[in-house]
PDB file of N, CA and C in Angstrom:
ATOM      1  N   UNK A   1       0.846  -1.184   0.052  1.00  0.00           N
ATOM      2  CA  UNK A   1       0.006  -0.030  -0.045  1.00  0.00           C
ATOM      3  C   UNK A   1       1.116   1.148   0.018  1.00  0.00           C
ATOM      4  N   UNK A   2       0.310   2.214  -0.361  1.00  0.00           N
ATOM      5  CA  UNK A   2       1.128   3.758  -0.716  1.00  0.00           C
ATOM      6  C   UNK A   2       0.304   4.931  -0.614  1.00  0.00           C
ATOM      7  N   UNK A   3       0.347   6.099  -0.237  1.00  0.00           N
ATOM      8  CA  UNK A   3      -0.442   6.977  -0.371  1.00  0.00           C
ATOM      9  C   UNK A   3      -0.469   7.661  -1.604  1.00  0.00           C
ATOM     10  N   UNK A   4      -1.305   7.842  -2.114  1.00  0.00           N
ATOM     11  CA  UNK A   4      -1.388   7.912  -4.085  1.00  0.00           C
ATOM     12  C   UNK A   4      -0.572   9.359  -3.863  1.00  0.00           C
ATOM     13  N   UNK A   5      -0.981  10.500  -3.472  1.00  0.00           N
ATOM     14  CA  UNK A   5      -0.319  11.639  -3.550  1.00  0.00           C
ATOM     15  C   UNK A   5       1.174  11.776  -3.373  1.00  0.00           C
ATOM     16  N   UNK A   6       1.785  12.003  -4.166  1.00  0.00           N
ATOM     17  CA  UNK A   6       3.689  11.685  -4.098  1.00  0.00           C
ATOM     18  C   UNK A   6       4.399  12.899  -4.066  1.00  0.00           C
ATOM     19  N   UNK A   7       3.832  13.885  -5.171  1.00  0.00           N
ATOM     20  CA  UNK A   7       4.666  15.135  -5.345  1.00  0.00           C
ATOM     21  C   UNK A   7       3.652  16.155  -6.108  1.00  0.00           C
ATOM     22  N   UNK A   8       4.008  17.403  -5.949  1.00  0.00           N
ATOM     23  CA  UNK A   8       3.297  18.711  -6.482  1.00  0.00           C
ATOM     24  C   UNK A   8       4.387  20.020  -6.975  1.00  0.00           C
ATOM     25  N   UNK A   9       3.795  20.359  -7.878  1.00  0.00           N
ATOM     26  CA  UNK A   9       4.628  21.729  -8.599  1.00  0.00           C
ATOM     27  C   UNK A   9       3.634  22.612  -8.510  1.00  0.00           C
ATOM     28  N   UNK A  10       4.332  23.691  -7.987  1.00  0.00           N
ATOM     29  CA  UNK A  10       3.703  25.277  -7.970  1.00  0.00           C
ATOM     30  C   UNK A  10       3.965  26.153  -9.395  1.00  0.00           C
ATOM     31  N   UNK A  11       3.289  26.243 -10.403  1.00  0.00           N
ATOM     32  CA  UNK A  11       3.814  26.870 -11.168  1.00  0.00           C
ATOM     33  C   UNK A  11       4.118  28.509 -10.887  1.00  0.00           C
ATOM     34  N   UNK A  12       5.344  28.817 -11.579  1.00  0.00           N
ATOM     35  CA  UNK A  12       5.767  30.095 -11.353  1.00  0.00           C
ATOM     36  C   UNK A  12       6.203  30.945 -12.747  1.00  0.00           C
ATOM     37  N   UNK A  13       6.206  31.819 -12.933  1.00  0.00           N
ATOM     38  CA  UNK A  13       6.956  32.575 -13.892  1.00  0.00           C
ATOM     39  C   UNK A  13       8.296  33.434 -13.706  1.00  0.00           C
ATOM     40  N   UNK A  14       8.509  33.633 -12.460  1.00  0.00           N
ATOM     41  CA  UNK A  14       9.762  34.377 -11.844  1.00  0.00           C
ATOM     42  C   UNK A  14      10.122  33.713 -10.856  1.00  0.00           C
ATOM     43  N   UNK A  15      11.407  32.717 -11.015  1.00  0.00           N
ATOM     44  CA  UNK A  15      11.563  31.875 -10.247  1.00  0.00           C
ATOM     45  C   UNK A  15      12.406  32.201  -9.022  1.00  0.00           C
ATOM     46  N   UNK A  16      13.487  33.786  -9.151  1.00  0.00           N
ATOM     47  CA  UNK A  16      13.697  34.468  -7.865  1.00  0.00           C
ATOM     48  C   UNK A  16      12.583  34.990  -6.946  1.00  0.00           C
ATOM     49  N   UNK A  17      11.644  35.496  -7.777  1.00  0.00           N
ATOM     50  CA  UNK A  17      10.574  36.333  -6.774  1.00  0.00           C
ATOM     51  C   UNK A  17      10.038  34.880  -5.936  1.00  0.00           C
ATOM     52  N   UNK A  18       9.681  34.151  -6.573  1.00  0.00           N
ATOM     53  CA  UNK A  18       9.079  32.905  -6.052  1.00  0.00           C
ATOM     54  C   UNK A  18       9.924  32.384  -5.049  1.00  0.00           C
ATOM     55  N   UNK A  19      11.040  32.019  -5.172  1.00  0.00           N
ATOM     56  CA  UNK A  19      11.760  31.535  -3.810  1.00  0.00           C
ATOM     57  C   UNK A  19      12.288  32.366  -3.242  1.00  0.00           C
ATOM     58  N   UNK A  20      12.092  33.747  -3.085  1.00  0.00           N
ATOM     59  CA  UNK A  20      12.476  34.586  -2.179  1.00  0.00           C
ATOM     60  C   UNK A  20      11.189  34.847  -1.072  1.00  0.00           C
ATOM     61  N   UNK A  21      10.225  34.477  -1.997  1.00  0.00           N
ATOM     62  CA  UNK A  21       8.467  34.786  -1.254  1.00  0.00           C
ATOM     63  C   UNK A  21       8.815  33.729  -0.321  1.00  0.00           C
ATOM     64  N   UNK A  22       8.575  32.090  -1.042  1.00  0.00           N
ATOM     65  CA  UNK A  22       8.487  30.737  -0.153  1.00  0.00           C
ATOM     66  C   UNK A  22       9.490  30.998   1.071  1.00  0.00           C
ATOM     67  N   UNK A  23      10.629  31.357   0.831  1.00  0.00           N
ATOM     68  CA  UNK A  23      11.656  31.122   1.986  1.00  0.00           C
ATOM     69  C   UNK A  23      11.745  31.973   3.075  1.00  0.00           C
ATOM     70  N   UNK A  24      10.904  33.381   2.431  1.00  0.00           N
ATOM     71  CA  UNK A  24      10.610  34.129   3.672  1.00  0.00           C
ATOM     72  C   UNK A  24       9.054  33.691   4.469  1.00  0.00           C
ATOM     73  N   UNK A  25       8.585  33.222   3.796  1.00  0.00           N
ATOM     74  CA  UNK A  25       7.043  33.025   4.616  1.00  0.00           C
ATOM     75  C   UNK A  25       7.253  31.314   5.222  1.00  0.00           C
ATOM     76  N   UNK A  26       8.151  30.428   4.897  1.00  0.00           N
ATOM     77  CA  UNK A  26       7.953  29.220   5.452  1.00  0.00           C
ATOM     78  C   UNK A  26       9.391  29.246   6.152  1.00  0.00           C
ATOM     79  N   UNK A  27      10.365  29.977   5.949  1.00  0.00           N
ATOM     80  CA  UNK A  27      12.016  29.795   6.644  1.00  0.00           C
ATOM     81  C   UNK A  27      12.607  28.459   5.953  1.00  0.00           C
ATOM     82  N   UNK A  28      12.356  28.098   4.571  1.00  0.00           N
ATOM     83  CA  UNK A  28      13.182  26.987   3.864  1.00  0.00           C
ATOM     84  C   UNK A  28      14.072  27.455   2.911  1.00  0.00           C
ATOM     85  N   UNK A  29      15.171  26.365   2.661  1.00  0.00           N
ATOM     86  CA  UNK A  29      15.999  26.778   1.434  1.00  0.00           C
ATOM     87  C   UNK A  29      15.875  25.833   0.359  1.00  0.00           C
ATOM     88  N   UNK A  30      15.870  26.220  -0.687  1.00  0.00           N
ATOM     89  CA  UNK A  30      15.722  25.354  -1.907  1.00  0.00           C
ATOM     90  C   UNK A  30      16.797  24.610  -2.824  1.00  0.00           C
ATOM     91  N   UNK A  31      16.506  23.552  -3.194  1.00  0.00           N
ATOM     92  CA  UNK A  31      17.593  22.919  -4.184  1.00  0.00           C
ATOM     93  C   UNK A  31      17.065  23.468  -5.637  1.00  0.00           C
ATOM     94  N   UNK A  32      18.254  24.172  -6.309  1.00  0.00           N
ATOM     95  CA  UNK A  32      17.743  24.876  -7.590  1.00  0.00           C
ATOM     96  C   UNK A  32      18.218  23.421  -8.720  1.00  0.00           C
ATOM     97  N   UNK A  33      17.207  23.085  -9.499  1.00  0.00           N
ATOM     98  CA  UNK A  33      17.635  22.238 -10.298  1.00  0.00           C
ATOM     99  C   UNK A  33      17.113  22.492 -11.735  1.00  0.00           C
ATOM    100  N   UNK A  34      17.304  21.919 -12.858  1.00  0.00           N
ATOM    101  CA  UNK A  34      16.839  21.615 -14.401  1.00  0.00           C
ATOM    102  C   UNK A  34      16.203  20.386 -14.351  1.00  0.00           C
ATOM    103  N   UNK A  35      15.112  20.156 -14.648  1.00  0.00           N
ATOM    104  CA  UNK A  35      14.550  18.945 -15.209  1.00  0.00           C
ATOM    105  C   UNK A  35      13.823  19.237 -16.461  1.00  0.00           C
ATOM    106  N   UNK A  36      14.149  18.331 -17.792  1.00  0.00           N
ATOM    107  CA  UNK A  36      13.821  18.449 -18.916  1.00  0.00           C
ATOM    108  C   UNK A  36      13.456  19.854 -19.332  1.00  0.00           C
ATOM    109  N   UNK A  37      14.377  20.708 -19.182  1.00  0.00           N
ATOM    110  CA  UNK A  37      14.342  21.934 -19.922  1.00  0.00           C
ATOM    111  C   UNK A  37      13.501  22.959 -18.862  1.00  0.00           C
ATOM    112  N   UNK A  38      12.979  22.593 -17.724  1.00  0.00           N
ATOM    113  CA  UNK A  38      12.370  23.028 -16.753  1.00  0.00           C
ATOM    114  C   UNK A  38      12.899  23.793 -15.678  1.00  0.00           C
ATOM    115  N   UNK A  39      13.086  24.987 -14.880  1.00  0.00           N
ATOM    116  CA  UNK A  39      13.623  25.355 -13.727  1.00  0.00           C
ATOM    117  C   UNK A  39      12.882  25.069 -12.597  1.00  0.00           C
ATOM    118  N   UNK A  40      13.379  23.904 -11.706  1.00  0.00           N
ATOM    119  CA  UNK A  40      12.947  23.712 -10.668  1.00  0.00           C
ATOM    120  C   UNK A  40      13.311  24.075  -9.181  1.00  0.00           C
ATOM    121  N   UNK A  41      12.895  24.409  -8.226  1.00  0.00           N
ATOM    122  CA  UNK A  41      13.204  24.929  -7.049  1.00  0.00           C
ATOM    123  C   UNK A  41      12.625  23.841  -5.552  1.00  0.00           C
ATOM    124  N   UNK A  42      13.470  22.981  -5.621  1.00  0.00           N
ATOM    125  CA  UNK A  42      12.782  21.579  -4.578  1.00  0.00           C
ATOM    126  C   UNK A  42      12.610  21.816  -3.446  1.00  0.00           C
ATOM    127  N   UNK A  43      11.567  21.892  -2.790  1.00  0.00           N
ATOM    128  CA  UNK A  43      11.092  22.189  -1.491  1.00  0.00           C
ATOM    129  C   UNK A  43      11.720  21.005  -0.680  1.00  0.00           C
ATOM    130  N   UNK A  44      12.145  21.065   0.820  1.00  0.00           N
ATOM    131  CA  UNK A  44      13.185  20.184   1.324  1.00  0.00           C
ATOM    132  C   UNK A  44      12.444  19.307   1.727  1.00  0.00           C
ATOM    133  N   UNK A  45      13.094  17.823   1.656  1.00  0.00           N
ATOM    134  CA  UNK A  45      12.143  16.379   1.717  1.00  0.00           C
ATOM    135  C   UNK A  45      13.320  15.682   2.683  1.00  0.00           C
ATOM    136  N   UNK A  46      12.584  15.274   3.766  1.00  0.00           N
ATOM    137  CA  UNK A  46      12.942  14.540   4.753  1.00  0.00           C
ATOM    138  C   UNK A  46      12.529  12.891   4.967  1.00  0.00           C
ATOM    139  N   UNK A  47      13.261  12.215   4.618  1.00  0.00           N
ATOM    140  CA  UNK A  47      12.201  10.531   4.403  1.00  0.00           C
ATOM    141  C   UNK A  47      12.137  10.308   5.755  1.00  0.00           C
ATOM    142  N   UNK A  48      11.080   9.470   5.512  1.00  0.00           N
ATOM    143  CA  UNK A  48      10.556   8.452   6.729  1.00  0.00           C
ATOM    144  C   UNK A  48       9.760   9.075   7.559  1.00  0.00           C
ATOM    145  N   UNK A  49       9.060  10.486   6.833  1.00  0.00           N
ATOM    146  CA  UNK A  49       8.225  11.230   7.673  1.00  0.00           C
ATOM    147  C   UNK A  49       7.068  11.586   6.723  1.00  0.00           C
ATOM    148  N   UNK A  50       5.816  11.617   7.197  1.00  0.00           N
ATOM    149  CA  UNK A  50       4.439  12.314   6.478  1.00  0.00           C
ATOM    150  C   UNK A  50       4.907  13.346   5.366  1.00  0.00           C
ATOM    151  N   UNK A  51       4.105  13.507   4.461  1.00  0.00           N
ATOM    152  CA  UNK A  51       4.401  14.116   3.214  1.00  0.00           C
ATOM    153  C   UNK A  51       4.913  13.659   2.211  1.00  0.00           C
ATOM    154  N   UNK A  52       4.784  15.059   1.275  1.00  0.00           N
ATOM    155  CA  UNK A  52       5.584  14.475  -0.564  1.00  0.00           C
ATOM    156  C   UNK A  52       6.195  15.324  -0.614  1.00  0.00           C
ATOM    157  N   UNK A  53       6.885  15.008  -2.178  1.00  0.00           N
ATOM    158  CA  UNK A  53       8.081  16.071  -2.536  1.00  0.00           C
ATOM    159  C   UNK A  53       7.336  17.214  -3.061  1.00  0.00           C
ATOM    160  N   UNK A  54       7.989  18.096  -3.261  1.00  0.00           N
ATOM    161  CA  UNK A  54       7.280  19.191  -4.152  1.00  0.00           C
ATOM    162  C   UNK A  54       8.290  20.051  -4.592  1.00  0.00           C
ATOM    163  N   UNK A  55       7.641  21.118  -5.394  1.00  0.00           N
ATOM    164  CA  UNK A  55       8.755  21.991  -6.187  1.00  0.00           C
ATOM    165  C   UNK A  55       8.392  23.505  -6.474  1.00  0.00           C
ATOM    166  N   UNK A  56       8.550  24.547  -6.791  1.00  0.00           N
ATOM    167  CA  UNK A  56       8.232  25.389  -7.690  1.00  0.00           C
ATOM    168  C   UNK A  56       8.679  24.758  -8.766  1.00  0.00           C
ATOM    169  N   UNK A  57       7.801  25.530 -10.064  1.00  0.00           N
ATOM    170  CA  UNK A  57       8.347  25.285 -11.621  1.00  0.00           C
ATOM    171  C   UNK A  57       8.624  26.411 -12.198  1.00  0.00           C
ATOM    172  N   UNK A  58       8.933  26.598 -13.346  1.00  0.00           N
ATOM    173  CA  UNK A  58       9.181  27.383 -14.131  1.00  0.00           C
ATOM    174  C   UNK A  58       9.664  26.369 -15.660  1.00  0.00           C
ATOM    175  N   UNK A  59       8.796  26.915 -16.482  1.00  0.00           N
ATOM    176  CA  UNK A  59       8.856  26.083 -17.895  1.00  0.00           C
ATOM    177  C   UNK A  59       7.412  26.530 -18.652  1.00  0.00           C
ATOM    178  N   UNK A  60       7.356  26.198 -19.844  1.00  0.00           N
ATOM    179  CA  UNK A  60       6.418  26.519 -20.964  1.00  0.00           C
ATOM    180  C   UNK A  60       5.168  25.967 -20.547  1.00  0.00           C
ATOM    181  N   UNK A  61       4.984  24.931 -19.754  1.00  0.00           N
ATOM    182  CA  UNK A  61       4.104  24.310 -19.523  1.00  0.00           C
ATOM    183  C   UNK A  61       3.363  24.789 -18.012  1.00  0.00           C
ATOM    184  N   UNK A  62       3.990  25.611 -17.346  1.00  0.00           N
ATOM    185  CA  UNK A  62       3.518  25.976 -16.107  1.00  0.00           C
ATOM    186  C   UNK A  62       3.326  27.155 -16.019  1.00  0.00           C
ATOM    187  N   UNK A  63       1.718  27.122 -15.662  1.00  0.00           N
ATOM    188  CA  UNK A  63       1.213  28.392 -15.450  1.00  0.00           C
ATOM    189  C   UNK A  63       0.330  28.395 -14.595  1.00  0.00           C
ATOM    190  N   UNK A  64       0.631  29.759 -13.720  1.00  0.00           N
ATOM    191  CA  UNK A  64       0.049  29.817 -12.724  1.00  0.00           C
ATOM    192  C   UNK A  64      -1.317  30.241 -12.538  1.00  0.00           C
ATOM    193  N   UNK A  65      -2.199  29.912 -11.241  1.00  0.00           N
ATOM    194  CA  UNK A  65      -3.412  30.131 -11.696  1.00  0.00           C
ATOM    195  C   UNK A  65      -4.441  29.770 -10.160  1.00  0.00           C
ATOM    196  N   UNK A  66      -5.123  30.884  -9.471  1.00  0.00           N
ATOM    197  CA  UNK A  66      -5.545  30.637  -8.755  1.00  0.00           C
ATOM    198  C   UNK A  66      -7.066  29.899  -9.029  1.00  0.00           C
ATOM    199  N   UNK A  67      -7.343  29.060  -9.877  1.00  0.00           N
ATOM    200  CA  UNK A  67      -8.344  27.966  -9.980  1.00  0.00           C
ATOM    201  C   UNK A  67      -8.135  26.858 -10.214  1.00  0.00           C
ATOM    202  N   UNK A  68      -6.686  26.558 -10.379  1.00  0.00           N
ATOM    203  CA  UNK A  68      -6.420  25.093 -10.430  1.00  0.00           C
ATOM    204  C   UNK A  68      -6.759  24.097  -9.315  1.00  0.00           C
ATOM    205  N   UNK A  69      -5.644  23.202  -9.029  1.00  0.00           N
ATOM    206  CA  UNK A  69      -5.724  22.226  -8.235  1.00  0.00           C
ATOM    207  C   UNK A  69      -5.337  23.082  -6.759  1.00  0.00           C
ATOM    208  N   UNK A  70      -5.939  22.814  -5.843  1.00  0.00           N
ATOM    209  CA  UNK A  70      -5.592  23.438  -4.817  1.00  0.00           C
ATOM    210  C   UNK A  70      -4.632  22.518  -3.507  1.00  0.00           C
ATOM    211  N   UNK A  71      -3.153  22.789  -3.502  1.00  0.00           N
ATOM    212  CA  UNK A  71      -2.646  21.967  -2.392  1.00  0.00           C
ATOM    213  C   UNK A  71      -2.604  22.675  -1.085  1.00  0.00           C
ATOM    214  N   UNK A  72      -2.417  21.910  -0.004  1.00  0.00           N
ATOM    215  CA  UNK A  72      -2.644  22.315   1.581  1.00  0.00           C
ATOM    216  C   UNK A  72      -1.134  22.105   2.044  1.00  0.00           C
ATOM    217  N   UNK A  73      -0.108  23.078   2.600  1.00  0.00           N
ATOM    218  CA  UNK A  73       0.768  23.151   3.668  1.00  0.00           C
ATOM    219  C   UNK A  73       1.142  23.035   4.365  1.00  0.00           C
ATOM    220  N   UNK A  74       1.346  22.016   5.200  1.00  0.00           N
ATOM    221  CA  UNK A  74       1.450  21.901   6.441  1.00  0.00           C
ATOM    222  C   UNK A  74       2.279  22.799   7.166  1.00  0.00           C
ATOM    223  N   UNK A  75       1.481  23.706   8.442  1.00  0.00           N
ATOM    224  CA  UNK A  75       2.397  24.665   9.563  1.00  0.00           C
ATOM    225  C   UNK A  75       1.989  24.431  10.580  1.00  0.00           C
ATOM    226  N   UNK A  76       2.951  24.729  11.581  1.00  0.00           N
ATOM    227  CA  UNK A  76       2.698  24.721  12.860  1.00  0.00           C
ATOM    228  C   UNK A  76       2.048  26.237  13.770  1.00  0.00           C
ATOM    229  N   UNK A  77       1.988  26.987  13.141  1.00  0.00           N
ATOM    230  CA  UNK A  77       1.780  28.333  13.755  1.00  0.00           C
ATOM    231  C   UNK A  77       1.037  29.371  12.500  1.00  0.00           C
ATOM    232  N   UNK A  78      -0.238  28.789  12.152  1.00  0.00           N
ATOM    233  CA  UNK A  78      -1.038  29.162  10.827  1.00  0.00           C
ATOM    234  C   UNK A  78      -1.043  30.862  10.899  1.00  0.00           C
ATOM    235  N   UNK A  79      -1.357  31.128  12.313  1.00  0.00           N
ATOM    236  CA  UNK A  79      -1.629  33.027  12.055  1.00  0.00           C
ATOM    237  C   UNK A  79      -0.541  33.459  11.661  1.00  0.00           C
ATOM    238  N   UNK A  80       1.028  33.373  12.212  1.00  0.00           N
ATOM    239  CA  UNK A  80       2.019  33.744  12.005  1.00  0.00           C
ATOM    240  C   UNK A  80       2.377  33.442  10.506  1.00  0.00           C
ATOM    241  N   UNK A  81       2.257  31.969  10.270  1.00  0.00           N
ATOM    242  CA  UNK A  81       2.712  32.021   8.579  1.00  0.00           C
ATOM    243  C   UNK A  81       1.651  33.281   7.525  1.00  0.00           C
ATOM    244  N   UNK A  82       0.460  33.283   7.984  1.00  0.00           N
ATOM    245  CA  UNK A  82      -0.579  34.014   7.143  1.00  0.00           C
ATOM    246  C   UNK A  82      -0.170  35.421   7.236  1.00  0.00           C
ATOM    247  N   UNK A  83       0.418  35.749   8.303  1.00  0.00           N
ATOM    248  CA  UNK A  83       0.727  37.031   8.443  1.00  0.00           C
ATOM    249  C   UNK A  83       2.094  37.478   8.097  1.00  0.00           C
ATOM    250  N   UNK A  84       2.999  36.625   7.915  1.00  0.00           N
ATOM    251  CA  UNK A  84       4.015  36.759   7.163  1.00  0.00           C
ATOM    252  C   UNK A  84       4.036  36.797   5.412  1.00  0.00           C
ATOM    253  N   UNK A  85       3.063  35.559   5.168  1.00  0.00           N
ATOM    254  CA  UNK A  85       2.888  35.492   3.872  1.00  0.00           C
ATOM    255  C   UNK A  85       2.054  36.729   3.308  1.00  0.00           C
ATOM    256  N   UNK A  86       1.087  37.553   3.972  1.00  0.00           N
ATOM    257  CA  UNK A  86       0.474  38.837   3.258  1.00  0.00           C
ATOM    258  C   UNK A  86       1.822  39.950   3.886  1.00  0.00           C
ATOM    259  N   UNK A  87       2.443  39.963   4.402  1.00  0.00           N
ATOM    260  CA  UNK A  87       3.664  41.247   4.845  1.00  0.00           C
ATOM    261  C   UNK A  87       4.685  40.766   3.504  1.00  0.00           C
ATOM    262  N   UNK A  88       4.704  39.795   2.723  1.00  0.00           N
ATOM    263  CA  UNK A  88       5.879  39.416   1.795  1.00  0.00           C
ATOM    264  C   UNK A  88       5.083  39.408   0.261  1.00  0.00           C
ATOM    265  N   UNK A  89       3.810  40.136   0.726  1.00  0.00           N
ATOM    266  CA  UNK A  89       2.975  40.037  -0.942  1.00  0.00           C
ATOM    267  C   UNK A  89       1.985  39.225  -1.099  1.00  0.00           C
ATOM    268  N   UNK A  90       1.730  38.410  -0.377  1.00  0.00           N
ATOM    269  CA  UNK A  90       0.617  37.384  -0.669  1.00  0.00           C
ATOM    270  C   UNK A  90      -0.819  37.914  -0.546  1.00  0.00           C
ATOM    271  N   UNK A  91      -1.847  37.554  -1.119  1.00  0.00           N
ATOM    272  CA  UNK A  91      -3.101  38.373  -1.049  1.00  0.00           C
ATOM    273  C   UNK A  91      -4.002  37.392  -0.409  1.00  0.00           C
ATOM    274  N   UNK A  92      -5.163  37.530   0.817  1.00  0.00           N
ATOM    275  CA  UNK A  92      -5.353  36.561   1.739  1.00  0.00           C
ATOM    276  C   UNK A  92      -6.703  36.419   0.885  1.00  0.00           C
ATOM    277  N   UNK A  93      -7.189  35.261   1.108  1.00  0.00           N
ATOM    278  CA  UNK A  93      -8.250  34.527   0.140  1.00  0.00           C
ATOM    279  C   UNK A  93      -9.247  33.992   0.709  1.00  0.00           C
ATOM    280  N   UNK A  94      -8.737  33.150   2.024  1.00  0.00           N
ATOM    281  CA  UNK A  94      -9.701  32.896   3.054  1.00  0.00           C
ATOM    282  C   UNK A  94      -8.990  32.507   4.172  1.00  0.00           C
ATOM    283  N   UNK A  95      -9.614  33.326   5.381  1.00  0.00           N
ATOM    284  CA  UNK A  95      -8.992  34.009   6.802  1.00  0.00           C
ATOM    285  C   UNK A  95      -8.439  32.418   7.273  1.00  0.00           C
ATOM    286  N   UNK A  96      -7.714  32.761   8.296  1.00  0.00           N
ATOM    287  CA  UNK A  96      -7.465  31.300   9.493  1.00  0.00           C
ATOM    288  C   UNK A  96      -8.811  30.871  10.038  1.00  0.00           C
ATOM    289  N   UNK A  97      -9.231  29.414  10.135  1.00  0.00           N
ATOM    290  CA  UNK A  97     -10.549  29.287  10.444  1.00  0.00           C
ATOM    291  C   UNK A  97     -10.512  27.656  10.761  1.00  0.00           C
ATOM    292  N   UNK A  98     -11.053  27.657  11.844  1.00  0.00           N
ATOM    293  CA  UNK A  98     -11.265  26.002  12.491  1.00  0.00           C
ATOM    294  C   UNK A  98     -11.847  25.571  12.075  1.00  0.00           C
ATOM    295  N   UNK A  99     -11.702  23.932  11.179  1.00  0.00           N
ATOM    296  CA  UNK A  99     -12.274  24.057  10.501  1.00  0.00           C
ATOM    297  C   UNK A  99     -13.034  22.177  11.131  1.00  0.00           C
ATOM    298  N   UNK A 100     -12.465  22.350  12.175  1.00  0.00           N
ATOM    299  CA  UNK A 100     -12.979  20.896  12.832  1.00  0.00           C
ATOM    300  C   UNK A 100     -11.889  20.760  13.966  1.00  0.00           C
ATOM    301  N   UNK A 101     -12.380  19.857  15.047  1.00  0.00           N
ATOM    302  CA  UNK A 101     -11.377  19.461  16.101  1.00  0.00           C
ATOM    303  C   UNK A 101     -10.022  19.458  15.903  1.00  0.00           C
ATOM    304  N   UNK A 102      -9.148  20.301  16.425  1.00  0.00           N
ATOM    305  CA  UNK A 102      -7.457  20.654  16.232  1.00  0.00           C
ATOM    306  C   UNK A 102      -6.933  20.649  14.850  1.00  0.00           C
ATOM    307  N   UNK A 103      -8.060  21.294  13.656  1.00  0.00           N
ATOM    308  CA  UNK A 103      -7.788  21.487  12.528  1.00  0.00           C
ATOM    309  C   UNK A 103      -8.336  23.066  12.022  1.00  0.00           C
ATOM    310  N   UNK A 104      -7.060  24.192  11.856  1.00  0.00           N
ATOM    311  CA  UNK A 104      -7.125  25.091  11.179  1.00  0.00           C
ATOM    312  C   UNK A 104      -6.961  25.291   9.488  1.00  0.00           C
ATOM    313  N   UNK A 105      -7.394  25.933   8.621  1.00  0.00           N
ATOM    314  CA  UNK A 105      -6.969  26.204   7.649  1.00  0.00           C
ATOM    315  C   UNK A 105      -7.019  27.129   7.184  1.00  0.00           C
ATOM    316  N   UNK A 106      -6.822  27.885   6.056  1.00  0.00           N
ATOM    317  CA  UNK A 106      -6.172  29.373   5.666  1.00  0.00           C
ATOM    318  C   UNK A 106      -5.809  29.281   4.129  1.00  0.00           C
ATOM    319  N   UNK A 107      -6.321  30.276   3.226  1.00  0.00           N
ATOM    320  CA  UNK A 107      -5.582  30.353   2.052  1.00  0.00           C
ATOM    321  C   UNK A 107      -5.041  31.882   1.615  1.00  0.00           C
ATOM    322  N   UNK A 108      -4.267  31.992   0.648  1.00  0.00           N
ATOM    323  CA  UNK A 108      -3.714  33.201   0.160  1.00  0.00           C
ATOM    324  C   UNK A 108      -3.336  32.820  -1.252  1.00  0.00           C
ATOM    325  N   UNK A 109      -3.393  33.965  -1.839  1.00  0.00           N
ATOM    326  CA  UNK A 109      -2.692  33.785  -3.341  1.00  0.00           C
ATOM    327  C   UNK A 109      -1.268  34.536  -3.402  1.00  0.00           C
ATOM    328  N   UNK A 110      -0.366  33.532  -3.726  1.00  0.00           N
ATOM    329  CA  UNK A 110       1.046  34.274  -3.824  1.00  0.00           C
ATOM    330  C   UNK A 110       1.423  34.868  -4.900  1.00  0.00           C
ATOM    331  N   UNK A 111       2.618  35.438  -4.656  1.00  0.00           N
ATOM    332  CA  UNK A 111       2.869  36.628  -5.884  1.00  0.00           C
ATOM    333  C   UNK A 111       2.763  36.333  -7.230  1.00  0.00           C
ATOM    334  N   UNK A 112       2.882  34.850  -7.392  1.00  0.00           N
ATOM    335  CA  UNK A 112       3.062  34.262  -8.467  1.00  0.00           C
ATOM    336  C   UNK A 112       1.504  34.100  -9.126  1.00  0.00           C
ATOM    337  N   UNK A 113       0.439  34.292  -8.725  1.00  0.00           N
ATOM    338  CA  UNK A 113      -0.894  33.686  -8.835  1.00  0.00           C
ATOM    339  C   UNK A 113      -1.643  32.827  -8.364  1.00  0.00           C
ATOM    340  N   UNK A 114      -0.915  31.727  -8.036  1.00  0.00           N
ATOM    341  CA  UNK A 114      -1.648  30.883  -7.180  1.00  0.00           C
ATOM    342  C   UNK A 114      -2.432  30.512  -5.995  1.00  0.00           C
ATOM    343  N   UNK A 115      -3.104  29.833  -5.706  1.00  0.00           N
ATOM    344  CA  UNK A 115      -4.146  29.387  -4.709  1.00  0.00           C
ATOM    345  C   UNK A 115      -3.035  28.947  -3.744  1.00  0.00           C
ATOM    346  N   UNK A 116      -2.597  28.938  -2.636  1.00  0.00           N
ATOM    347  CA  UNK A 116      -2.197  28.453  -1.598  1.00  0.00           C
ATOM    348  C   UNK A 116      -3.023  28.061  -0.131  1.00  0.00           C
ATOM    349  N   UNK A 117      -3.406  26.692  -0.219  1.00  0.00           N
ATOM    350  CA  UNK A 117      -3.946  26.734   1.237  1.00  0.00           C
ATOM    351  C   UNK A 117      -3.056  26.187   2.264  1.00  0.00           C
ATOM    352  N   UNK A 118      -3.412  26.417   3.761  1.00  0.00           N
ATOM    353  CA  UNK A 118      -1.997  26.081   4.751  1.00  0.00           C
ATOM    354  C   UNK A 118      -3.094  25.288   5.824  1.00  0.00           C
ATOM    355  N   UNK A 119      -2.683  24.135   6.322  1.00  0.00           N
ATOM    356  CA  UNK A 119      -3.367  23.603   7.061  1.00  0.00           C
ATOM    357  C   UNK A 119      -2.595  23.550   8.139  1.00  0.00           C
ATOM    358  N   UNK A 120      -2.965  23.438   9.852  1.00  0.00           N
ATOM    359  CA  UNK A 120      -2.711  23.534  10.928  1.00  0.00           C
ATOM    360  C   UNK A 120      -3.525  22.303  12.145  1.00  0.00           C
ATOM    361  N   UNK A 121      -2.458  21.285  12.314  1.00  0.00           N
ATOM    362  CA  UNK A 121      -3.217  20.340  13.294  1.00  0.00           C
ATOM    363  C   UNK A 121      -2.859  20.625  14.599  1.00  0.00           C
ATOM    364  N   UNK A 122      -3.310  20.389  15.437  1.00  0.00           N
ATOM    365  CA  UNK A 122      -2.816  20.166  17.033  1.00  0.00           C
ATOM    366  C   UNK A 122      -3.857  19.425  17.733  1.00  0.00           C
ATOM    367  N   UNK A 123      -3.287  18.803  18.761  1.00  0.00           N
ATOM    368  CA  UNK A 123      -3.861  17.981  19.599  1.00  0.00           C
ATOM    369  C   UNK A 123      -5.130  18.370  20.941  1.00  0.00           C
ATOM    370  N   UNK A 124      -6.000  18.712  20.838  1.00  0.00           N
ATOM    371  CA  UNK A 124      -7.061  19.288  21.815  1.00  0.00           C
ATOM    372  C   UNK A 124      -6.661  19.087  23.001  1.00  0.00           C
ATOM    373  N   UNK A 125      -6.706  19.821  24.327  1.00  0.00           N
ATOM    374  CA  UNK A 125      -6.297  19.806  25.603  1.00  0.00           C
ATOM    375  C   UNK A 125      -7.625  18.975  25.962  1.00  0.00           C
ATOM    376  N   UNK A 126      -7.313  17.902  26.923  1.00  0.00           N
ATOM    377  CA  UNK A 126      -8.510  17.092  27.116  1.00  0.00           C
ATOM    378  C   UNK A 126      -8.919  17.338  28.899  1.00  0.00           C
TER     379      UNK A 126
END
């Protein structure tokens, strides 16, 4: 058995702007590579933990959109991440909202024009 989701690519038109934005918002570093003529900035991936690989991707077939597939990125402090994203140029699309016991979500439009969703999970105090 395996999890069906294994990799995502977020389309970008300006790789420098996109990596600067995601670096600031999430405090991560990217590995920059070329794959089949496309520029890729790989999100960090730690083997043996939940989640899948992902990249920022620039190339002819990569078109940023607010209307396409919605990905959720896991965060531990959703209010702080949303504030940082907005300070870095993101547009609020869906405010931080508790959608279930121990689950908060929010959405922003990144400077490239993509809809990005965030999810924070925590264990309720009993």
